[in-house]
Amino acid sequence: MVTKEEIKKEVDKLPDNLLEIAYALLRNITGIQKSTNKNWTTRDFKGKLDKTDIRSAAYE
């Protein structure tokens, strides 16, 4: 298993031009946010689509 010290040592070895890329990568990995609660929209079609083949109707 890799420790924080080993990661820090490897980052210290990086040339200056790669530090921004490494920082952006680390921020992207650690910045994973919780997904927002997405709600499905509901619509009442009042039975219009009960006997309809939706796939074929979509291509008409």
C-alpha atoms as a PDB file:
ATOM      1  CA  MET A   1       0.000   0.000   0.000  1.00  0.00           C
ATOM      2  CA  VAL A   2       1.218   3.490  -0.815  1.00  0.00           C
ATOM      3  CA  THR A   3       1.591   5.954   2.031  1.00  0.00           C
ATOM      4  CA  LYS A   4       1.195   9.723   1.971  1.00  0.00           C
ATOM      5  CA  GLU A   5       4.933  10.132   2.526  1.00  0.00           C
ATOM      6  CA  GLU A   6       5.722   8.084  -0.583  1.00  0.00           C
ATOM      7  CA  ILE A   7       3.335  10.208  -2.633  1.00  0.00           C
ATOM      8  CA  LYS A   8       4.853  13.397  -1.252  1.00  0.00           C
ATOM      9  CA  LYS A   9       8.360  12.176  -2.134  1.00  0.00           C
ATOM     10  CA  GLU A  10       7.296  11.450  -5.710  1.00  0.00           C
ATOM     11  CA  VAL A  11       5.610  14.838  -6.037  1.00  0.00           C
ATOM     12  CA  ASP A  12       8.780  16.524  -4.764  1.00  0.00           C
ATOM     13  CA  LYS A  13      10.719  14.817  -7.560  1.00  0.00           C
ATOM     14  CA  LEU A  14       8.462  16.226 -10.306  1.00  0.00           C
ATOM     15  CA  PRO A  15       9.763  19.019 -12.504  1.00  0.00           C
ATOM     16  CA  ASP A  16       8.079  22.403 -12.131  1.00  0.00           C
ATOM     17  CA  ASN A  17       6.243  22.192 -15.442  1.00  0.00           C
ATOM     18  CA  LEU A  18       4.415  19.029 -14.327  1.00  0.00           C
ATOM     19  CA  LEU A  19       3.373  20.310 -10.905  1.00  0.00           C
ATOM     20  CA  GLU A  20       0.295  22.073 -12.267  1.00  0.00           C
ATOM     21  CA  ILE A  21      -0.850  18.888 -14.001  1.00  0.00           C
ATOM     22  CA  ALA A  22      -0.277  16.817 -10.862  1.00  0.00           C
ATOM     23  CA  TYR A  23      -2.147  19.380  -8.755  1.00  0.00           C
ATOM     24  CA  ALA A  24      -5.076  19.444 -11.173  1.00  0.00           C
ATOM     25  CA  LEU A  25      -5.188  15.648 -11.181  1.00  0.00           C
ATOM     26  CA  LEU A  26      -5.156  15.437  -7.393  1.00  0.00           C
ATOM     27  CA  ARG A  27      -7.841  18.123  -7.072  1.00  0.00           C
ATOM     28  CA  ASN A  28      -9.978  16.248  -9.582  1.00  0.00           C
ATOM     29  CA  ILE A  29      -9.620  12.965  -7.694  1.00  0.00           C
ATOM     30  CA  THR A  30     -10.227  14.431  -4.243  1.00  0.00           C
ATOM     31  CA  GLY A  31     -12.897  16.843  -5.402  1.00  0.00           C
ATOM     32  CA  ILE A  32     -15.432  14.184  -6.274  1.00  0.00           C
ATOM     33  CA  GLN A  33     -18.661  15.635  -5.046  1.00  0.00           C
ATOM     34  CA  LYS A  34     -21.722  13.851  -3.861  1.00  0.00           C
ATOM     35  CA  SER A  35     -24.226  13.489  -6.617  1.00  0.00           C
ATOM     36  CA  THR A  36     -27.135  15.810  -6.237  1.00  0.00           C
ATOM     37  CA  ASN A  37     -30.498  14.293  -5.646  1.00  0.00           C
ATOM     38  CA  LYS A  38     -32.106  14.263  -9.068  1.00  0.00           C
ATOM     39  CA  ASN A  39     -35.829  13.800  -9.212  1.00  0.00           C
ATOM     40  CA  TRP A  40     -37.612  12.253 -12.152  1.00  0.00           C
ATOM     41  CA  THR A  41     -40.255  14.391 -13.698  1.00  0.00           C
ATOM     42  CA  THR A  42     -43.644  12.775 -13.713  1.00  0.00           C
ATOM     43  CA  ARG A  43     -46.398  13.396 -16.177  1.00  0.00           C
ATOM     44  CA  ASP A  44     -49.889  12.004 -16.320  1.00  0.00           C
ATOM     45  CA  PHE A  45     -50.755  11.036 -19.886  1.00  0.00           C
ATOM     46  CA  LYS A  46     -54.156   9.747 -18.749  1.00  0.00           C
ATOM     47  CA  GLY A  47     -53.730   6.338 -20.357  1.00  0.00           C
ATOM     48  CA  LYS A  48     -52.879   7.629 -23.854  1.00  0.00           C
ATOM     49  CA  LEU A  49     -49.752   5.478 -24.093  1.00  0.00           C
ATOM     50  CA  ASP A  50     -51.097   2.310 -22.497  1.00  0.00           C
ATOM     51  CA  LYS A  51     -51.655   0.455 -25.777  1.00  0.00           C
ATOM     52  CA  THR A  52     -49.091   2.332 -27.885  1.00  0.00           C
ATOM     53  CA  ASP A  53     -45.761   0.915 -29.001  1.00  0.00           C
ATOM     54  CA  ILE A  54     -43.638   3.848 -27.839  1.00  0.00           C
ATOM     55  CA  ARG A  55     -40.593   2.861 -29.945  1.00  0.00           C
ATOM     56  CA  SER A  56     -42.458   2.917 -33.232  1.00  0.00           C
ATOM     57  CA  ALA A  57     -44.351   6.069 -32.217  1.00  0.00           C
ATOM     58  CA  ALA A  58     -41.072   7.823 -31.495  1.00  0.00           C
ATOM     59  CA  TYR A  59     -39.891   7.373 -35.079  1.00  0.00           C
ATOM     60  CA  GLU A  60     -43.068   8.693 -36.684  1.00  0.00           C
END
